[in-house]
Amino acid sequence: MKRLPVALCCLLATLAARAGEGFHAESFHARNCTGCHDTSVYTRPDRRVNSLPRLESQVRMCDANLGIKLLDDEIEALVDYLNRNFYKLAR
């Protein structure tokens, strides 16, 4: 029973540290996404992504494939970055 408070403290410390770091979608993209593909996949005529829900789904799939486990707000920031800079999909 005494281990539960210790585990909770560790979890909270980890979450607080991660939140304090801040998430920078552009640098995350440069470090992680372009290792698998270049940006031409976002703008090619036959791209698979043609809506914001599909873009979010694709980002979640890449996150799962890489095993990164992004938080929902980080996924939202990455989707926003990709849409603003490449896809330009209607909101």
C-alpha atoms as a PDB file:
ATOM      1  CA  MET A   1       0.000   0.000   0.000  1.00  0.00           C
ATOM      2  CA  LYS A   2       2.911   2.348   0.668  1.00  0.00           C
ATOM      3  CA  ARG A   3       4.112   1.872  -2.896  1.00  0.00           C
ATOM      4  CA  LEU A   4       1.033   3.508  -4.397  1.00  0.00           C
ATOM      5  CA  PRO A   5       1.871   7.049  -3.174  1.00  0.00           C
ATOM      6  CA  VAL A   6       5.444   6.628  -4.397  1.00  0.00           C
ATOM      7  CA  ALA A   7       4.227   5.447  -7.805  1.00  0.00           C
ATOM      8  CA  LEU A   8       1.789   8.358  -8.026  1.00  0.00           C
ATOM      9  CA  CYS A   9       4.512  10.845  -7.140  1.00  0.00           C
ATOM     10  CA  CYS A  10       6.770   9.396  -9.833  1.00  0.00           C
ATOM     11  CA  LEU A  11       3.970   9.567 -12.392  1.00  0.00           C
ATOM     12  CA  LEU A  12       3.120  13.161 -11.502  1.00  0.00           C
ATOM     13  CA  ALA A  13       6.775  14.184 -11.613  1.00  0.00           C
ATOM     14  CA  THR A  14       7.135  12.633 -15.070  1.00  0.00           C
ATOM     15  CA  LEU A  15       4.014  14.356 -16.364  1.00  0.00           C
ATOM     16  CA  ALA A  16       5.061  17.690 -14.884  1.00  0.00           C
ATOM     17  CA  ALA A  17       8.514  17.421 -16.416  1.00  0.00           C
ATOM     18  CA  ARG A  18       7.065  16.592 -19.812  1.00  0.00           C
ATOM     19  CA  ALA A  19       4.584  19.471 -19.603  1.00  0.00           C
ATOM     20  CA  GLY A  20       7.343  21.863 -18.583  1.00  0.00           C
ATOM     21  CA  GLU A  21       9.427  20.983 -21.608  1.00  0.00           C
ATOM     22  CA  GLY A  22       6.765  22.276 -23.968  1.00  0.00           C
ATOM     23  CA  PHE A  23       6.034  20.697 -27.297  1.00  0.00           C
ATOM     24  CA  HIS A  24       7.448  22.236 -30.447  1.00  0.00           C
ATOM     25  CA  ALA A  25       5.720  20.662 -33.436  1.00  0.00           C
ATOM     26  CA  GLU A  26       8.204  21.960 -35.995  1.00  0.00           C
ATOM     27  CA  SER A  27      11.270  20.575 -34.224  1.00  0.00           C
ATOM     28  CA  PHE A  28       9.442  17.333 -33.400  1.00  0.00           C
ATOM     29  CA  HIS A  29       8.584  16.978 -37.088  1.00  0.00           C
ATOM     30  CA  ALA A  30      12.190  17.599 -38.117  1.00  0.00           C
ATOM     31  CA  ARG A  31      13.517  15.046 -35.597  1.00  0.00           C
ATOM     32  CA  ASN A  32      10.975  12.280 -36.100  1.00  0.00           C
ATOM     33  CA  CYS A  33       8.795  12.517 -39.198  1.00  0.00           C
ATOM     34  CA  THR A  34      11.386  13.318 -41.839  1.00  0.00           C
ATOM     35  CA  GLY A  35      13.383  10.274 -40.816  1.00  0.00           C
ATOM     36  CA  CYS A  36      10.753   8.146 -42.577  1.00  0.00           C
ATOM     37  CA  HIS A  37       9.668  10.462 -45.400  1.00  0.00           C
ATOM     38  CA  ASP A  38      10.265  13.907 -46.811  1.00  0.00           C
ATOM     39  CA  THR A  39       7.638  16.635 -47.003  1.00  0.00           C
ATOM     40  CA  SER A  40       6.637  15.818 -50.587  1.00  0.00           C
ATOM     41  CA  VAL A  41       4.194  13.191 -49.256  1.00  0.00           C
ATOM     42  CA  TYR A  42       2.121  16.053 -47.843  1.00  0.00           C
ATOM     43  CA  THR A  43       1.726  17.929 -51.112  1.00  0.00           C
ATOM     44  CA  ARG A  44       1.739  15.273 -53.828  1.00  0.00           C
ATOM     45  CA  PRO A  45      -1.392  15.144 -56.018  1.00  0.00           C
ATOM     46  CA  ASP A  46      -2.370  11.612 -54.930  1.00  0.00           C
ATOM     47  CA  ARG A  47      -1.910  12.146 -51.183  1.00  0.00           C
ATOM     48  CA  ARG A  48      -4.024  10.026 -48.833  1.00  0.00           C
ATOM     49  CA  VAL A  49      -4.868  12.865 -46.477  1.00  0.00           C
ATOM     50  CA  ASN A  50      -7.675  15.134 -47.672  1.00  0.00           C
ATOM     51  CA  SER A  51      -9.412  16.162 -44.429  1.00  0.00           C
ATOM     52  CA  LEU A  52      -8.437  17.189 -40.906  1.00  0.00           C
ATOM     53  CA  PRO A  53      -9.856  13.994 -39.345  1.00  0.00           C
ATOM     54  CA  ARG A  54      -7.790  11.948 -41.808  1.00  0.00           C
ATOM     55  CA  LEU A  55      -4.698  14.024 -40.997  1.00  0.00           C
ATOM     56  CA  GLU A  56      -5.175  13.392 -37.278  1.00  0.00           C
ATOM     57  CA  SER A  57      -5.671   9.698 -37.975  1.00  0.00           C
ATOM     58  CA  GLN A  58      -2.447   9.595 -39.994  1.00  0.00           C
ATOM     59  CA  VAL A  59      -0.500  11.398 -37.253  1.00  0.00           C
ATOM     60  CA  ARG A  60      -1.846   8.943 -34.666  1.00  0.00           C
ATOM     61  CA  MET A  61      -0.840   6.010 -36.886  1.00  0.00           C
ATOM     62  CA  CYS A  62       2.700   7.365 -37.260  1.00  0.00           C
ATOM     63  CA  ASP A  63       2.862   7.964 -33.505  1.00  0.00           C
ATOM     64  CA  ALA A  64       1.844   4.357 -32.854  1.00  0.00           C
ATOM     65  CA  ASN A  65       4.308   3.007 -35.429  1.00  0.00           C
ATOM     66  CA  LEU A  66       7.165   4.949 -33.859  1.00  0.00           C
ATOM     67  CA  GLY A  67       6.065   4.090 -30.306  1.00  0.00           C
ATOM     68  CA  ILE A  68       6.363   7.707 -29.160  1.00  0.00           C
ATOM     69  CA  LYS A  69       3.016   7.950 -27.330  1.00  0.00           C
ATOM     70  CA  LEU A  70       2.272  11.617 -27.946  1.00  0.00           C
ATOM     71  CA  LEU A  71      -0.280  13.300 -25.714  1.00  0.00           C
ATOM     72  CA  ASP A  72      -3.535  14.492 -27.301  1.00  0.00           C
ATOM     73  CA  ASP A  73      -2.482  18.148 -27.170  1.00  0.00           C
ATOM     74  CA  GLU A  74       0.837  17.263 -28.817  1.00  0.00           C
ATOM     75  CA  ILE A  75      -0.991  15.457 -31.608  1.00  0.00           C
ATOM     76  CA  GLU A  76      -3.251  18.479 -32.009  1.00  0.00           C
ATOM     77  CA  ALA A  77      -0.211  20.778 -32.232  1.00  0.00           C
ATOM     78  CA  LEU A  78       1.440  18.525 -34.810  1.00  0.00           C
ATOM     79  CA  VAL A  79      -1.758  18.332 -36.889  1.00  0.00           C
ATOM     80  CA  ASP A  80      -2.025  22.129 -36.738  1.00  0.00           C
ATOM     81  CA  TYR A  81       1.624  22.543 -37.795  1.00  0.00           C
ATOM     82  CA  LEU A  82       1.268  20.126 -40.710  1.00  0.00           C
ATOM     83  CA  ASN A  83      -1.976  21.692 -41.874  1.00  0.00           C
ATOM     84  CA  ARG A  84      -0.709  25.254 -41.599  1.00  0.00           C
ATOM     85  CA  ASN A  85       2.560  24.566 -43.408  1.00  0.00           C
ATOM     86  CA  PHE A  86       1.708  21.832 -45.900  1.00  0.00           C
ATOM     87  CA  TYR A  87      -1.857  20.553 -46.245  1.00  0.00           C
ATOM     88  CA  LYS A  88      -3.843  23.800 -45.956  1.00  0.00           C
ATOM     89  CA  LEU A  89      -7.097  21.905 -45.361  1.00  0.00           C
ATOM     90  CA  ALA A  90     -10.300  23.765 -44.517  1.00  0.00           C
ATOM     91  CA  ARG A  91     -11.235  23.818 -40.840  1.00  0.00           C
END
